[in-house]
Protein backbone atom coordinates (compact mmCIF):
# COMPACT_ATOMS: atom_id res chain seq x y z
CA MET A 1 139.12 5.65 66.83
CA VAL A 2 136.01 5.99 64.68
CA ALA A 3 134.65 2.59 63.67
CA LEU A 4 132.18 3.94 61.12
CA GLN A 5 132.01 7.38 59.59
CA ILE A 6 129.26 8.31 57.16
CA GLU A 7 129.51 11.50 55.16
CA THR A 8 126.44 13.73 54.98
CA GLY A 9 126.31 13.31 51.20
CA SER A 10 125.88 9.56 51.69
CA LEU A 11 123.55 9.49 54.67
CA TYR A 12 120.45 11.17 53.25
CA PRO A 13 120.40 9.24 49.95
CA ALA A 14 120.71 6.01 51.98
CA LEU A 15 117.86 7.04 54.29
CA HIS A 16 115.73 7.94 51.25
CA LYS A 17 116.40 4.52 49.71
CA LEU A 18 115.54 2.70 52.97
CA LYS A 19 112.33 4.72 53.25
CA GLY A 20 111.43 3.92 49.64
CA ARG A 21 111.82 0.21 50.34
CA GLY A 22 109.54 0.49 53.37
CA TRP A 23 112.27 -0.46 55.85
CA ILE A 24 112.12 2.82 57.76
CA ALA A 25 109.47 5.47 58.37
CA ALA A 26 110.09 9.15 58.94
CA GLU A 27 108.20 11.96 60.58
CA TRP A 28 108.82 15.60 61.36
CA LYS A 29 108.91 16.59 65.03
CA LYS A 30 110.33 19.39 67.13
CA SER A 31 113.74 18.64 68.59
CA ASP A 32 114.71 19.31 72.21
CA LYS A 33 115.98 22.70 71.04
CA GLY A 34 112.62 23.54 69.45
CA LYS A 35 113.82 23.14 65.87
CA ARG A 36 112.00 21.05 63.29
CA ALA A 37 113.80 17.73 62.76
CA ARG A 38 113.10 14.54 60.89
CA TYR A 39 113.04 11.37 63.00
CA TYR A 40 113.44 7.88 61.55
CA ARG A 41 112.36 4.50 62.91
CA LEU A 42 112.48 0.91 61.68
CA THR A 43 109.22 -0.47 60.35
CA GLN A 44 108.11 -4.06 60.94
CA THR A 45 109.29 -4.88 57.41
CA GLY A 46 112.61 -3.22 58.23
CA ARG A 47 112.99 -5.32 61.39
CA GLU A 48 112.32 -8.50 59.41
CA HIS A 49 114.85 -7.50 56.76
CA LEU A 50 117.40 -6.64 59.45
CA THR A 51 116.99 -10.08 61.01
CA VAL A 52 117.69 -11.75 57.65
CA GLN A 53 120.70 -9.53 56.99
CA GLN A 54 122.11 -10.14 60.48
CA SER A 55 121.94 -13.88 59.87
CA ARG A 56 123.73 -13.50 56.53
CA TRP A 57 126.39 -11.31 58.15
CA GLU A 58 126.99 -13.90 60.88
CA GLN A 59 127.38 -16.65 58.25
CA LEU A 60 129.85 -14.50 56.28
CA SER A 61 131.78 -13.65 59.46
CA VAL A 62 132.17 -17.33 60.36
CA ALA A 63 133.30 -18.17 56.82
CA MET A 64 135.83 -15.32 56.84
CA ALA A 65 137.19 -16.41 60.22
CA ARG A 66 137.73 -19.91 58.80
CA VAL A 67 139.71 -18.44 55.90
CA LEU A 68 141.70 -15.95 57.98
CA TYR A 69 142.44 -18.21 60.96
CA PRO A 70 142.46 -21.81 59.69
CA ALA A 71 144.84 -23.05 62.44
CA GLU A 72 142.41 -21.99 65.16
CA GLN A 73 139.62 -23.96 63.47
CA GLU A 74 141.71 -27.17 63.41
CA SER A 75 142.66 -26.99 67.09
CA GLY A 76 139.06 -27.44 68.26
CA PRO A 77 137.72 -30.58 70.00
């Protein structure tokens, strides 16, 4: 089962947007097969943004669990 599938037509525009916001950096290098390839990495700003977004995701996940499984929330201590 594939948990997340990103089409090629969506991937590069997303990478371009992340690069434009300063969240990732890119550089050209040679791959293991000797071909020219673009490599991406998170910037410090990107790491900080990721931390904020992870916190928001965790808050949303807890809220959704409370809505989807209210009986489990009531049976706690």
